[in-house]
Amino acid sequence: MRIAIGIFFCLGAFNISFSQDKIDLLVKSEKILLAGDTARAVAAFSETLRLFPQSFSAALRLAEITFVQKDYFRAIQYSNIANDIAENFVESKKRSLNIL
């Protein structure tokens, strides 16, 4: 029983730190963008998306930045990624609630 409780707490702590890492990367990326360094911001958001492929926020910000830069092809690509992430999230919630 003690082992199961220990494993549960370790996994819970891992999930919390995993989420915190994602938040920290997004905040860092936003600060870079606020400073006006769009090239570094794109790199930072891209790294966040690479590490956390289900990061809707990173995909959406990349779509917004590339749209403002008039790189419409990449803006559409990032928009599609954000849309896929959102659709996957909704579908997973529907499955978990047995709505499908």
PDB file of N, CA and C in Angstrom:
ATOM      1  N   MET A   1       0.823  -1.193   0.000  1.00  0.00           N
ATOM      2  CA  MET A   1       0.000   0.000   0.000  1.00  0.00           C
ATOM      3  C   MET A   1       0.868   1.259   0.000  1.00  0.00           C
ATOM      4  N   ARG A   2       1.919   1.254   0.832  1.00  0.00           N
ATOM      5  CA  ARG A   2       2.799   2.425   0.897  1.00  0.00           C
ATOM      6  C   ARG A   2       3.471   2.690  -0.455  1.00  0.00           C
ATOM      7  N   ILE A   3       3.842   1.612  -1.129  1.00  0.00           N
ATOM      8  CA  ILE A   3       4.498   1.767  -2.435  1.00  0.00           C
ATOM      9  C   ILE A   3       3.536   2.402  -3.428  1.00  0.00           C
ATOM     10  N   ALA A   4       2.296   1.948  -3.434  1.00  0.00           N
ATOM     11  CA  ALA A   4       1.306   2.509  -4.357  1.00  0.00           C
ATOM     12  C   ALA A   4       1.074   3.985  -4.076  1.00  0.00           C
ATOM     13  N   ILE A   5       1.003   4.350  -2.811  1.00  0.00           N
ATOM     14  CA  ILE A   5       0.813   5.761  -2.456  1.00  0.00           C
ATOM     15  C   ILE A   5       2.024   6.577  -2.875  1.00  0.00           C
ATOM     16  N   GLY A   6       3.216   6.034  -2.658  1.00  0.00           N
ATOM     17  CA  GLY A   6       4.439   6.734  -3.060  1.00  0.00           C
ATOM     18  C   GLY A   6       4.507   6.947  -4.561  1.00  0.00           C
ATOM     19  N   ILE A   7       4.153   5.916  -5.311  1.00  0.00           N
ATOM     20  CA  ILE A   7       4.147   6.025  -6.775  1.00  0.00           C
ATOM     21  C   ILE A   7       3.125   7.069  -7.210  1.00  0.00           C
ATOM     22  N   PHE A   8       1.947   7.056  -6.593  1.00  0.00           N
ATOM     23  CA  PHE A   8       0.903   8.023  -6.938  1.00  0.00           C
ATOM     24  C   PHE A   8       1.388   9.454  -6.723  1.00  0.00           C
ATOM     25  N   PHE A   9       2.034   9.704  -5.567  1.00  0.00           N
ATOM     26  CA  PHE A   9       2.514  11.055  -5.286  1.00  0.00           C
ATOM     27  C   PHE A   9       3.644  11.464  -6.224  1.00  0.00           C
ATOM     28  N   CYS A  10       4.512  10.519  -6.575  1.00  0.00           N
ATOM     29  CA  CYS A  10       5.593  10.823  -7.515  1.00  0.00           C
ATOM     30  C   CYS A  10       5.024  11.184  -8.886  1.00  0.00           C
ATOM     31  N   LEU A  11       4.051  10.412  -9.342  1.00  0.00           N
ATOM     32  CA  LEU A  11       3.449  10.704 -10.644  1.00  0.00           C
ATOM     33  C   LEU A  11       2.704  12.025 -10.611  1.00  0.00           C
ATOM     34  N   GLY A  12       2.035  12.308  -9.519  1.00  0.00           N
ATOM     35  CA  GLY A  12       1.329  13.589  -9.386  1.00  0.00           C
ATOM     36  C   GLY A  12       2.295  14.753  -9.416  1.00  0.00           C
ATOM     37  N   ALA A  13       3.411  14.624  -8.721  1.00  0.00           N
ATOM     38  CA  ALA A  13       4.420  15.692  -8.712  1.00  0.00           C
ATOM     39  C   ALA A  13       5.019  15.863 -10.099  1.00  0.00           C
ATOM     40  N   PHE A  14       5.209  14.750 -10.817  1.00  0.00           N
ATOM     41  CA  PHE A  14       5.744  14.837 -12.177  1.00  0.00           C
ATOM     42  C   PHE A  14       4.801  15.627 -13.068  1.00  0.00           C
ATOM     43  N   ASN A  15       3.503  15.353 -12.981  1.00  0.00           N
ATOM     44  CA  ASN A  15       2.527  16.065 -13.804  1.00  0.00           C
ATOM     45  C   ASN A  15       2.503  17.544 -13.478  1.00  0.00           C
ATOM     46  N   ILE A  16       2.612  17.887 -12.208  1.00  0.00           N
ATOM     47  CA  ILE A  16       2.614  19.295 -11.814  1.00  0.00           C
ATOM     48  C   ILE A  16       3.852  19.988 -12.364  1.00  0.00           C
ATOM     49  N   SER A  17       5.030  19.358 -12.210  1.00  0.00           N
ATOM     50  CA  SER A  17       6.247  20.005 -12.703  1.00  0.00           C
ATOM     51  C   SER A  17       6.252  20.053 -14.227  1.00  0.00           C
ATOM     52  N   PHE A  18       5.675  19.038 -14.859  1.00  0.00           N
ATOM     53  CA  PHE A  18       5.569  19.020 -16.318  1.00  0.00           C
ATOM     54  C   PHE A  18       4.740  20.211 -16.788  1.00  0.00           C
ATOM     55  N   SER A  19       3.614  20.458 -16.140  1.00  0.00           N
ATOM     56  CA  SER A  19       2.764  21.595 -16.486  1.00  0.00           C
ATOM     57  C   SER A  19       3.468  22.904 -16.180  1.00  0.00           C
ATOM     58  N   GLN A  20       4.175  22.953 -15.067  1.00  0.00           N
ATOM     59  CA  GLN A  20       4.880  24.181 -14.697  1.00  0.00           C
ATOM     60  C   GLN A  20       5.976  24.497 -15.702  1.00  0.00           C
ATOM     61  N   ASP A  21       6.668  23.471 -16.195  1.00  0.00           N
ATOM     62  CA  ASP A  21       7.703  23.682 -17.215  1.00  0.00           C
ATOM     63  C   ASP A  21       7.088  24.311 -18.465  1.00  0.00           C
ATOM     64  N   LYS A  22       5.934  23.810 -18.855  1.00  0.00           N
ATOM     65  CA  LYS A  22       5.246  24.348 -20.032  1.00  0.00           C
ATOM     66  C   LYS A  22       4.856  25.802 -19.803  1.00  0.00           C
ATOM     67  N   ILE A  23       4.322  26.089 -18.642  1.00  0.00           N
ATOM     68  CA  ILE A  23       3.930  27.462 -18.317  1.00  0.00           C
ATOM     69  C   ILE A  23       5.152  28.372 -18.304  1.00  0.00           C
ATOM     70  N   ASP A  24       6.241  27.909 -17.706  1.00  0.00           N
ATOM     71  CA  ASP A  24       7.465  28.710 -17.657  1.00  0.00           C
ATOM     72  C   ASP A  24       7.977  29.035 -19.058  1.00  0.00           C
ATOM     73  N   LEU A  25       7.944  28.050 -19.955  1.00  0.00           N
ATOM     74  CA  LEU A  25       8.387  28.292 -21.334  1.00  0.00           C
ATOM     75  C   LEU A  25       7.473  29.279 -22.053  1.00  0.00           C
ATOM     76  N   LEU A  26       6.173  29.165 -21.827  1.00  0.00           N
ATOM     77  CA  LEU A  26       5.239  30.100 -22.462  1.00  0.00           C
ATOM     78  C   LEU A  26       5.440  31.521 -21.938  1.00  0.00           C
ATOM     79  N   VAL A  27       5.641  31.658 -20.634  1.00  0.00           N
ATOM     80  CA  VAL A  27       5.873  32.990 -20.048  1.00  0.00           C
ATOM     81  C   VAL A  27       7.167  33.584 -20.597  1.00  0.00           C
ATOM     82  N   LYS A  28       8.219  32.771 -20.667  1.00  0.00           N
ATOM     83  CA  LYS A  28       9.501  33.227 -21.218  1.00  0.00           C
ATOM     84  C   LYS A  28       9.318  33.691 -22.668  1.00  0.00           C
ATOM     85  N   SER A  29       8.587  32.911 -23.447  1.00  0.00           N
ATOM     86  CA  SER A  29       8.343  33.256 -24.848  1.00  0.00           C
ATOM     87  C   SER A  29       7.565  34.562 -24.974  1.00  0.00           C
ATOM     88  N   GLU A  30       6.551  34.727 -24.124  1.00  0.00           N
ATOM     89  CA  GLU A  30       5.760  35.966 -24.144  1.00  0.00           C
ATOM     90  C   GLU A  30       6.613  37.177 -23.779  1.00  0.00           C
ATOM     91  N   LYS A  31       7.504  37.017 -22.817  1.00  0.00           N
ATOM     92  CA  LYS A  31       8.386  38.127 -22.417  1.00  0.00           C
ATOM     93  C   LYS A  31       9.306  38.524 -23.569  1.00  0.00           C
ATOM     94  N   ILE A  32       9.814  37.527 -24.280  1.00  0.00           N
ATOM     95  CA  ILE A  32      10.681  37.813 -25.435  1.00  0.00           C
ATOM     96  C   ILE A  32       9.885  38.572 -26.496  1.00  0.00           C
ATOM     97  N   LEU A  33       8.654  38.147 -26.723  1.00  0.00           N
ATOM     98  CA  LEU A  33       7.812  38.816 -27.710  1.00  0.00           C
ATOM     99  C   LEU A  33       7.497  40.248 -27.270  1.00  0.00           C
ATOM    100  N   LEU A  34       7.204  40.417 -25.993  1.00  0.00           N
ATOM    101  CA  LEU A  34       6.924  41.761 -25.467  1.00  0.00           C
ATOM    102  C   LEU A  34       8.124  42.687 -25.615  1.00  0.00           C
ATOM    103  N   ALA A  35       9.319  42.128 -25.542  1.00  0.00           N
ATOM    104  CA  ALA A  35      10.535  42.922 -25.708  1.00  0.00           C
ATOM    105  C   ALA A  35      10.748  43.317 -27.163  1.00  0.00           C
ATOM    106  N   GLY A  36       9.944  42.746 -28.061  1.00  0.00           N
ATOM    107  CA  GLY A  36      10.016  43.127 -29.466  1.00  0.00           C
ATOM    108  C   GLY A  36      10.916  42.260 -30.323  1.00  0.00           C
ATOM    109  N   ASP A  37      11.462  41.201 -29.758  1.00  0.00           N
ATOM    110  CA  ASP A  37      12.354  40.320 -30.509  1.00  0.00           C
ATOM    111  C   ASP A  37      11.540  39.162 -31.078  1.00  0.00           C
ATOM    112  N   THR A  38      10.898  39.411 -32.217  1.00  0.00           N
ATOM    113  CA  THR A  38       9.993  38.398 -32.779  1.00  0.00           C
ATOM    114  C   THR A  38      10.734  37.150 -33.252  1.00  0.00           C
ATOM    115  N   ALA A  39      11.944  37.306 -33.750  1.00  0.00           N
ATOM    116  CA  ALA A  39      12.702  36.138 -34.212  1.00  0.00           C
ATOM    117  C   ALA A  39      12.983  35.195 -33.046  1.00  0.00           C
ATOM    118  N   ARG A  40      13.426  35.747 -31.925  1.00  0.00           N
ATOM    119  CA  ARG A  40      13.669  34.902 -30.743  1.00  0.00           C
ATOM    120  C   ARG A  40      12.361  34.369 -30.178  1.00  0.00           C
ATOM    121  N   ALA A  41      11.289  35.152 -30.259  1.00  0.00           N
ATOM    122  CA  ALA A  41       9.987  34.698 -29.757  1.00  0.00           C
ATOM    123  C   ALA A  41       9.490  33.514 -30.578  1.00  0.00           C
ATOM    124  N   VAL A  42       9.637  33.587 -31.900  1.00  0.00           N
ATOM    125  CA  VAL A  42       9.246  32.465 -32.756  1.00  0.00           C
ATOM    126  C   VAL A  42      10.058  31.230 -32.383  1.00  0.00           C
ATOM    127  N   ALA A  43      11.349  31.408 -32.164  1.00  0.00           N
ATOM    128  CA  ALA A  43      12.200  30.282 -31.773  1.00  0.00           C
ATOM    129  C   ALA A  43      11.764  29.712 -30.421  1.00  0.00           C
ATOM    130  N   ALA A  44      11.426  30.587 -29.481  1.00  0.00           N
ATOM    131  CA  ALA A  44      11.019  30.133 -28.145  1.00  0.00           C
ATOM    132  C   ALA A  44       9.668  29.418 -28.187  1.00  0.00           C
ATOM    133  N   PHE A  45       8.704  29.972 -28.910  1.00  0.00           N
ATOM    134  CA  PHE A  45       7.405  29.306 -29.036  1.00  0.00           C
ATOM    135  C   PHE A  45       7.542  27.990 -29.802  1.00  0.00           C
ATOM    136  N   SER A  46       8.409  27.956 -30.797  1.00  0.00           N
ATOM    137  CA  SER A  46       8.646  26.717 -31.554  1.00  0.00           C
ATOM    138  C   SER A  46       9.245  25.643 -30.652  1.00  0.00           C
ATOM    139  N   GLU A  47      10.167  26.041 -29.795  1.00  0.00           N
ATOM    140  CA  GLU A  47      10.766  25.098 -28.852  1.00  0.00           C
ATOM    141  C   GLU A  47       9.703  24.583 -27.872  1.00  0.00           C
ATOM    142  N   THR A  48       8.839  25.463 -27.419  1.00  0.00           N
ATOM    143  CA  THR A  48       7.755  25.052 -26.524  1.00  0.00           C
ATOM    144  C   THR A  48       6.855  24.035 -27.227  1.00  0.00           C
ATOM    145  N   LEU A  49       6.524  24.300 -28.471  1.00  0.00           N
ATOM    146  CA  LEU A  49       5.667  23.389 -29.231  1.00  0.00           C
ATOM    147  C   LEU A  49       6.372  22.060 -29.501  1.00  0.00           C
ATOM    148  N   ARG A  50       7.688  22.107 -29.694  1.00  0.00           N
ATOM    149  CA  ARG A  50       8.449  20.872 -29.899  1.00  0.00           C
ATOM    150  C   ARG A  50       8.430  20.020 -28.629  1.00  0.00           C
ATOM    151  N   LEU A  51       8.631  20.658 -27.484  1.00  0.00           N
ATOM    152  CA  LEU A  51       8.665  19.930 -26.217  1.00  0.00           C
ATOM    153  C   LEU A  51       7.276  19.509 -25.750  1.00  0.00           C
ATOM    154  N   PHE A  52       6.278  20.320 -26.072  1.00  0.00           N
ATOM    155  CA  PHE A  52       4.899  20.068 -25.655  1.00  0.00           C
ATOM    156  C   PHE A  52       4.000  20.136 -26.890  1.00  0.00           C
ATOM    157  N   PRO A  53       3.952  19.063 -27.676  1.00  0.00           N
ATOM    158  CA  PRO A  53       3.235  19.081 -28.956  1.00  0.00           C
ATOM    159  C   PRO A  53       1.742  19.376 -28.844  1.00  0.00           C
ATOM    160  N   GLN A  54       1.166  19.287 -27.648  1.00  0.00           N
ATOM    161  CA  GLN A  54      -0.253  19.590 -27.473  1.00  0.00           C
ATOM    162  C   GLN A  54      -0.461  20.992 -26.902  1.00  0.00           C
ATOM    163  N   SER A  55       0.529  21.859 -27.038  1.00  0.00           N
ATOM    164  CA  SER A  55       0.420  23.225 -26.522  1.00  0.00           C
ATOM    165  C   SER A  55      -0.342  24.103 -27.511  1.00  0.00           C
ATOM    166  N   PHE A  56      -1.627  24.241 -27.245  1.00  0.00           N
ATOM    167  CA  PHE A  56      -2.481  25.095 -28.072  1.00  0.00           C
ATOM    168  C   PHE A  56      -1.970  26.531 -28.045  1.00  0.00           C
ATOM    169  N   SER A  57      -1.566  27.001 -26.878  1.00  0.00           N
ATOM    170  CA  SER A  57      -1.100  28.388 -26.733  1.00  0.00           C
ATOM    171  C   SER A  57       0.110  28.674 -27.617  1.00  0.00           C
ATOM    172  N   ALA A  58       1.079  27.766 -27.628  1.00  0.00           N
ATOM    173  CA  ALA A  58       2.281  27.969 -28.450  1.00  0.00           C
ATOM    174  C   ALA A  58       1.923  27.978 -29.933  1.00  0.00           C
ATOM    175  N   ALA A  59       1.078  27.051 -30.357  1.00  0.00           N
ATOM    176  CA  ALA A  59       0.688  26.982 -31.777  1.00  0.00           C
ATOM    177  C   ALA A  59      -0.077  28.238 -32.189  1.00  0.00           C
ATOM    178  N   LEU A  60      -0.980  28.679 -31.325  1.00  0.00           N
ATOM    179  CA  LEU A  60      -1.766  29.874 -31.646  1.00  0.00           C
ATOM    180  C   LEU A  60      -0.897  31.122 -31.718  1.00  0.00           C
ATOM    181  N   ARG A  61       0.025  31.275 -30.768  1.00  0.00           N
ATOM    182  CA  ARG A  61       0.910  32.453 -30.800  1.00  0.00           C
ATOM    183  C   ARG A  61       1.794  32.429 -32.046  1.00  0.00           C
ATOM    184  N   LEU A  62       2.264  31.253 -32.440  1.00  0.00           N
ATOM    185  CA  LEU A  62       3.060  31.161 -33.664  1.00  0.00           C
ATOM    186  C   LEU A  62       2.220  31.543 -34.882  1.00  0.00           C
ATOM    187  N   ALA A  63       0.962  31.142 -34.896  1.00  0.00           N
ATOM    188  CA  ALA A  63       0.065  31.530 -35.995  1.00  0.00           C
ATOM    189  C   ALA A  63      -0.106  33.043 -36.023  1.00  0.00           C
ATOM    190  N   GLU A  64      -0.301  33.640 -34.858  1.00  0.00           N
ATOM    191  CA  GLU A  64      -0.490  35.091 -34.786  1.00  0.00           C
ATOM    192  C   GLU A  64       0.756  35.853 -35.233  1.00  0.00           C
ATOM    193  N   ILE A  65       1.909  35.426 -34.744  1.00  0.00           N
ATOM    194  CA  ILE A  65       3.160  36.120 -35.079  1.00  0.00           C
ATOM    195  C   ILE A  65       3.443  36.023 -36.573  1.00  0.00           C
ATOM    196  N   THR A  66       3.325  34.824 -37.127  1.00  0.00           N
ATOM    197  CA  THR A  66       3.626  34.663 -38.551  1.00  0.00           C
ATOM    198  C   THR A  66       2.595  35.377 -39.429  1.00  0.00           C
ATOM    199  N   PHE A  67       1.360  35.486 -38.949  1.00  0.00           N
ATOM    200  CA  PHE A  67       0.351  36.252 -39.689  1.00  0.00           C
ATOM    201  C   PHE A  67       0.735  37.736 -39.727  1.00  0.00           C
ATOM    202  N   VAL A  68       1.144  38.277 -38.591  1.00  0.00           N
ATOM    203  CA  VAL A  68       1.555  39.687 -38.535  1.00  0.00           C
ATOM    204  C   VAL A  68       2.771  39.916 -39.426  1.00  0.00           C
ATOM    205  N   GLN A  69       3.635  38.911 -39.518  1.00  0.00           N
ATOM    206  CA  GLN A  69       4.823  39.014 -40.378  1.00  0.00           C
ATOM    207  C   GLN A  69       4.478  38.797 -41.859  1.00  0.00           C
ATOM    208  N   LYS A  70       3.205  38.573 -42.141  1.00  0.00           N
ATOM    209  CA  LYS A  70       2.705  38.330 -43.493  1.00  0.00           C
ATOM    210  C   LYS A  70       3.256  37.040 -44.110  1.00  0.00           C
ATOM    211  N   ASP A  71       3.630  36.112 -43.239  1.00  0.00           N
ATOM    212  CA  ASP A  71       4.047  34.776 -43.682  1.00  0.00           C
ATOM    213  C   ASP A  71       2.799  33.898 -43.589  1.00  0.00           C
ATOM    214  N   TYR A  72       1.906  34.101 -44.547  1.00  0.00           N
ATOM    215  CA  TYR A  72       0.579  33.497 -44.471  1.00  0.00           C
ATOM    216  C   TYR A  72       0.606  31.975 -44.568  1.00  0.00           C
ATOM    217  N   PHE A  73       1.541  31.438 -45.322  1.00  0.00           N
ATOM    218  CA  PHE A  73       1.639  29.987 -45.436  1.00  0.00           C
ATOM    219  C   PHE A  73       1.904  29.361 -44.069  1.00  0.00           C
ATOM    220  N   ARG A  74       2.916  29.885 -43.357  1.00  0.00           N
ATOM    221  CA  ARG A  74       3.230  29.353 -42.025  1.00  0.00           C
ATOM    222  C   ARG A  74       2.122  29.678 -41.034  1.00  0.00           C
ATOM    223  N   ALA A  75       1.484  30.824 -41.182  1.00  0.00           N
ATOM    224  CA  ALA A  75       0.376  31.179 -40.288  1.00  0.00           C
ATOM    225  C   ALA A  75      -0.754  30.162 -40.407  1.00  0.00           C
ATOM    226  N   ILE A  76      -1.047  29.767 -41.627  1.00  0.00           N
ATOM    227  CA  ILE A  76      -2.091  28.757 -41.842  1.00  0.00           C
ATOM    228  C   ILE A  76      -1.652  27.410 -41.263  1.00  0.00           C
ATOM    229  N   GLN A  77      -0.386  27.058 -41.439  1.00  0.00           N
ATOM    230  CA  GLN A  77       0.111  25.797 -40.883  1.00  0.00           C
ATOM    231  C   GLN A  77      -0.047  25.775 -39.358  1.00  0.00           C
ATOM    232  N   TYR A  78       0.379  26.849 -38.703  1.00  0.00           N
ATOM    233  CA  TYR A  78       0.260  26.908 -37.248  1.00  0.00           C
ATOM    234  C   TYR A  78      -1.203  26.969 -36.804  1.00  0.00           C
ATOM    235  N   SER A  79      -2.040  27.640 -37.582  1.00  0.00           N
ATOM    236  CA  SER A  79      -3.477  27.655 -37.270  1.00  0.00           C
ATOM    237  C   SER A  79      -4.066  26.257 -37.349  1.00  0.00           C
ATOM    238  N   ASN A  80      -3.657  25.508 -38.356  1.00  0.00           N
ATOM    239  CA  ASN A  80      -4.128  24.130 -38.493  1.00  0.00           C
ATOM    240  C   ASN A  80      -3.659  23.259 -37.327  1.00  0.00           C
ATOM    241  N   ILE A  81      -2.422  23.475 -36.893  1.00  0.00           N
ATOM    242  CA  ILE A  81      -1.909  22.726 -35.740  1.00  0.00           C
ATOM    243  C   ILE A  81      -2.738  23.058 -34.501  1.00  0.00           C
ATOM    244  N   ALA A  82      -2.986  24.351 -34.271  1.00  0.00           N
ATOM    245  CA  ALA A  82      -3.793  24.764 -33.118  1.00  0.00           C
ATOM    246  C   ALA A  82      -5.196  24.172 -33.195  1.00  0.00           C
ATOM    247  N   ASN A  83      -5.765  24.166 -34.376  1.00  0.00           N
ATOM    248  CA  ASN A  83      -7.097  23.600 -34.568  1.00  0.00           C
ATOM    249  C   ASN A  83      -7.105  22.097 -34.275  1.00  0.00           C
ATOM    250  N   ASP A  84      -6.090  21.381 -34.750  1.00  0.00           N
ATOM    251  CA  ASP A  84      -5.989  19.946 -34.480  1.00  0.00           C
ATOM    252  C   ASP A  84      -5.861  19.678 -32.980  1.00  0.00           C
ATOM    253  N   ILE A  85      -5.050  20.479 -32.294  1.00  0.00           N
ATOM    254  CA  ILE A  85      -4.879  20.316 -30.849  1.00  0.00           C
ATOM    255  C   ILE A  85      -6.221  20.514 -30.144  1.00  0.00           C
ATOM    256  N   ALA A  86      -6.957  21.557 -30.527  1.00  0.00           N
ATOM    257  CA  ALA A  86      -8.254  21.829 -29.906  1.00  0.00           C
ATOM    258  C   ALA A  86      -9.245  20.702 -30.181  1.00  0.00           C
ATOM    259  N   GLU A  87      -9.286  20.239 -31.415  1.00  0.00           N
ATOM    260  CA  GLU A  87     -10.197  19.136 -31.756  1.00  0.00           C
ATOM    261  C   GLU A  87      -9.851  17.862 -30.998  1.00  0.00           C
ATOM    262  N   ASN A  88      -8.570  17.551 -30.882  1.00  0.00           N
ATOM    263  CA  ASN A  88      -8.147  16.366 -30.134  1.00  0.00           C
ATOM    264  C   ASN A  88      -8.532  16.478 -28.663  1.00  0.00           C
ATOM    265  N   PHE A  89      -8.394  17.675 -28.113  1.00  0.00           N
ATOM    266  CA  PHE A  89      -8.762  17.895 -26.712  1.00  0.00           C
ATOM    267  C   PHE A  89     -10.260  17.667 -26.504  1.00  0.00           C
ATOM    268  N   VAL A  90     -11.080  18.245 -27.377  1.00  0.00           N
ATOM    269  CA  VAL A  90     -12.535  18.085 -27.268  1.00  0.00           C
ATOM    270  C   VAL A  90     -12.921  16.620 -27.407  1.00  0.00           C
ATOM    271  N   GLU A  91     -12.338  15.936 -28.393  1.00  0.00           N
ATOM    272  CA  GLU A  91     -12.652  14.521 -28.589  1.00  0.00           C
ATOM    273  C   GLU A  91     -12.259  13.683 -27.379  1.00  0.00           C
ATOM    274  N   SER A  92     -11.095  13.974 -26.793  1.00  0.00           N
ATOM    275  CA  SER A  92     -10.668  13.194 -25.622  1.00  0.00           C
ATOM    276  C   SER A  92     -11.605  13.429 -24.446  1.00  0.00           C
ATOM    277  N   LYS A  93     -12.108  14.662 -24.302  1.00  0.00           N
ATOM    278  CA  LYS A  93     -13.046  14.950 -23.212  1.00  0.00           C
ATOM    279  C   LYS A  93     -14.387  14.270 -23.462  1.00  0.00           C
ATOM    280  N   LYS A  94     -14.807  14.246 -24.707  1.00  0.00           N
ATOM    281  CA  LYS A  94     -16.056  13.552 -25.026  1.00  0.00           C
ATOM    282  C   LYS A  94     -15.941  12.070 -24.715  1.00  0.00           C
ATOM    283  N   ARG A  95     -14.784  11.477 -25.089  1.00  0.00           N
ATOM    284  CA  ARG A  95     -14.581  10.055 -24.804  1.00  0.00           C
ATOM    285  C   ARG A  95     -14.574   9.795 -23.311  1.00  0.00           C
ATOM    286  N   SER A  96     -13.917  10.676 -22.551  1.00  0.00           N
ATOM    287  CA  SER A  96     -13.845  10.453 -21.113  1.00  0.00           C
ATOM    288  C   SER A  96     -15.216  10.611 -20.444  1.00  0.00           C
ATOM    289  N   LEU A  97     -16.107  11.371 -21.078  1.00  0.00           N
ATOM    290  CA  LEU A  97     -17.453  11.536 -20.539  1.00  0.00           C
ATOM    291  C   LEU A  97     -18.463  10.589 -21.194  1.00  0.00           C
ATOM    292  N   ASN A  98     -17.964   9.761 -22.094  1.00  0.00           N
ATOM    293  CA  ASN A  98     -18.800   8.813 -22.841  1.00  0.00           C
ATOM    294  C   ASN A  98     -19.929   9.496 -23.599  1.00  0.00           C
ATOM    295  N   ILE A  99     -19.619  10.633 -24.217  1.00  0.00           N
ATOM    296  CA  ILE A  99     -20.609  11.373 -24.993  1.00  0.00           C
ATOM    297  C   ILE A  99     -20.706  10.850 -26.416  1.00  0.00           C
ATOM    298  N   LEU A 100     -19.623  10.298 -26.915  1.00  0.00           N
ATOM    299  CA  LEU A 100     -19.608   9.845 -28.314  1.00  0.00           C
ATOM    300  C   LEU A 100     -20.514   8.703 -28.559  1.00  0.00           C
TER     301      LEU A 100
END
